[in-house]
Amino acid sequence: MKASVLTHQHPDVLRISVTNRTTKPCVIDRIPTVTFGDLDGAAEPDPPTESAPYRLAPGATAYATVRTVTGRPTPPTRTVDHITVAADPSHHGRRFDASAIGAPPTGIRVWSPTTTWWSPTPS
């Protein structure tokens, strides 16, 4: 699993990916589970959808984009020092510190976060 800031001009947009490193297909959830530091809840899917299986072929990689700040934050955004990304809500996921993904030194800003569905190509 990987995570990074998409560009330094847009530090509130992250690209995440997951790769099936086995020789057999695997099934993950079509919505990545992205949580932020010790804040409650996870990024909401955009467009909205329900949980469903997503088949990942051997050696294949799936990509998603996370917007950590959407809309007009009121009250001000929260800042966290890490995110956790899981390919399925039943998994613990992998933790990414803000500095490891290229976020600003002040941390990852969060307000009403959203995530795309997994896709076979980077968005």
Protein backbone atom coordinates (compact mmCIF):
# COMPACT_ATOMS: atom_id res chain seq x y z
CA MET A 1 0.00 0.00 0.00
CA LYS A 2 1.23 3.50 -0.81
CA ALA A 3 0.07 7.04 -0.08
CA SER A 4 1.38 10.43 -1.15
CA VAL A 5 0.36 14.05 -1.59
CA LEU A 6 -0.70 14.46 -5.24
CA THR A 7 1.16 17.78 -5.70
CA HIS A 8 2.69 20.33 -3.35
CA GLN A 9 0.25 22.91 -4.77
CA HIS A 10 -2.64 20.75 -3.51
CA PRO A 11 -1.57 19.26 -0.17
CA ASP A 12 -5.21 18.39 0.63
CA VAL A 13 -5.35 15.79 -2.16
CA LEU A 14 -3.73 12.40 -1.59
CA ARG A 15 -3.21 9.50 -3.97
CA ILE A 16 -3.40 6.05 -2.43
CA SER A 17 -2.81 2.65 -4.00
CA VAL A 18 -2.93 -1.02 -3.11
CA THR A 19 -1.18 -3.84 -4.99
CA ASN A 20 -2.03 -7.54 -4.98
CA ARG A 21 1.39 -9.12 -4.50
CA THR A 22 0.09 -12.70 -4.65
CA THR A 23 -0.32 -15.11 -7.55
CA LYS A 24 -4.09 -15.36 -7.02
CA PRO A 25 -6.88 -12.82 -7.38
CA CYS A 26 -7.99 -11.14 -4.16
CA VAL A 27 -11.09 -9.22 -3.19
CA ILE A 28 -11.04 -5.89 -1.41
CA ASP A 29 -13.83 -3.41 -0.75
CA ARG A 30 -14.51 -1.01 -3.63
CA ILE A 31 -14.20 1.90 -1.18
CA PRO A 32 -10.87 2.44 0.55
CA THR A 33 -11.12 2.97 4.28
CA VAL A 34 -9.16 6.12 5.16
CA THR A 35 -9.06 7.40 8.74
CA PHE A 36 -7.30 10.47 10.09
CA GLY A 37 -5.18 10.42 13.24
CA ASP A 38 -7.39 9.97 16.29
CA LEU A 39 -10.45 11.63 14.70
CA ASP A 40 -13.69 9.64 14.52
CA GLY A 41 -14.98 8.35 11.20
CA ALA A 42 -13.51 7.74 7.77
CA ALA A 43 -13.49 9.55 4.43
CA GLU A 44 -16.87 9.29 2.71
CA PRO A 45 -17.08 7.80 -0.81
CA ASP A 46 -17.53 10.24 -3.69
CA PRO A 47 -19.75 9.46 -5.48
CA PRO A 48 -21.76 7.97 -2.61
CA THR A 49 -22.08 4.19 -2.74
CA GLU A 50 -22.44 1.13 -0.58
CA SER A 51 -19.71 -1.33 0.25
CA ALA A 52 -19.17 -3.99 -2.45
CA PRO A 53 -16.42 -6.37 -3.59
CA TYR A 54 -13.65 -5.18 -5.90
CA ARG A 55 -11.58 -7.91 -7.56
CA LEU A 56 -7.86 -7.31 -7.83
CA ALA A 57 -5.95 -9.60 -10.22
CA PRO A 58 -2.52 -11.00 -9.32
CA GLY A 59 0.08 -8.22 -9.58
CA ALA A 60 -2.58 -5.57 -10.24
CA THR A 61 -2.70 -2.18 -8.52
CA ALA A 62 -5.81 -0.17 -7.65
CA TYR A 63 -5.74 3.60 -7.09
CA ALA A 64 -7.93 6.13 -5.30
CA THR A 65 -7.80 9.84 -4.53
CA VAL A 66 -8.59 11.29 -1.12
CA ARG A 67 -9.59 14.92 -0.60
CA THR A 68 -8.86 15.69 3.02
CA VAL A 69 -10.62 19.07 2.92
CA THR A 70 -13.89 19.57 1.00
CA GLY A 71 -16.32 22.46 1.03
CA ARG A 72 -15.87 25.49 3.26
CA PRO A 73 -14.54 24.38 6.61
CA THR A 74 -16.59 25.84 9.44
CA PRO A 75 -15.34 25.56 12.16
CA PRO A 76 -11.70 25.52 11.07
CA THR A 77 -10.05 22.35 9.85
CA ARG A 78 -8.46 19.85 12.20
CA THR A 79 -4.85 18.78 11.71
CA VAL A 80 -3.54 15.23 12.22
CA ASP A 81 -0.06 13.74 12.12
CA HIS A 82 -1.02 10.56 10.21
CA ILE A 83 -3.62 8.74 8.14
CA THR A 84 -4.45 5.05 8.10
CA VAL A 85 -5.49 3.35 4.84
CA ALA A 86 -7.14 -0.07 4.58
CA ALA A 87 -8.22 -1.88 1.43
CA ASP A 88 -11.16 -3.33 3.34
CA PRO A 89 -12.92 -2.09 6.50
CA SER A 90 -12.19 -5.43 8.24
CA HIS A 91 -8.40 -4.82 7.89
CA HIS A 92 -6.29 -2.80 10.33
CA GLY A 93 -4.73 -0.85 7.47
CA ARG A 94 -1.36 0.81 7.12
CA ARG A 95 -0.38 4.00 8.90
CA PHE A 96 1.28 6.84 6.96
CA ASP A 97 2.88 9.70 8.88
CA ALA A 98 2.35 13.19 7.42
CA SER A 99 6.05 13.63 6.62
CA ALA A 100 6.21 10.24 4.85
CA ILE A 101 3.48 11.20 2.37
CA GLY A 102 4.82 14.68 1.64
CA ALA A 103 2.25 16.62 3.67
CA PRO A 104 3.21 20.05 5.06
CA PRO A 105 5.27 20.00 8.27
CA THR A 106 2.22 21.26 10.18
CA GLY A 107 0.38 17.98 9.38
CA ILE A 108 -2.59 16.82 7.33
CA ARG A 109 -5.58 19.19 7.32
CA VAL A 110 -8.97 17.46 7.61
CA TRP A 111 -12.51 18.72 7.05
CA SER A 112 -15.29 16.55 5.62
CA PRO A 113 -12.89 14.18 3.76
CA THR A 114 -13.95 12.19 0.69
CA THR A 115 -12.42 9.32 -1.27
CA THR A 116 -12.96 8.01 -4.77
CA TRP A 117 -13.61 4.33 -5.34
CA TRP A 118 -10.67 2.06 -6.20
CA SER A 119 -9.82 2.29 -9.91
CA PRO A 120 -7.41 0.33 -12.14
CA THR A 121 -5.71 3.57 -13.26
CA PRO A 122 -4.47 6.61 -11.33
CA SER A 123 -6.98 9.45 -11.36
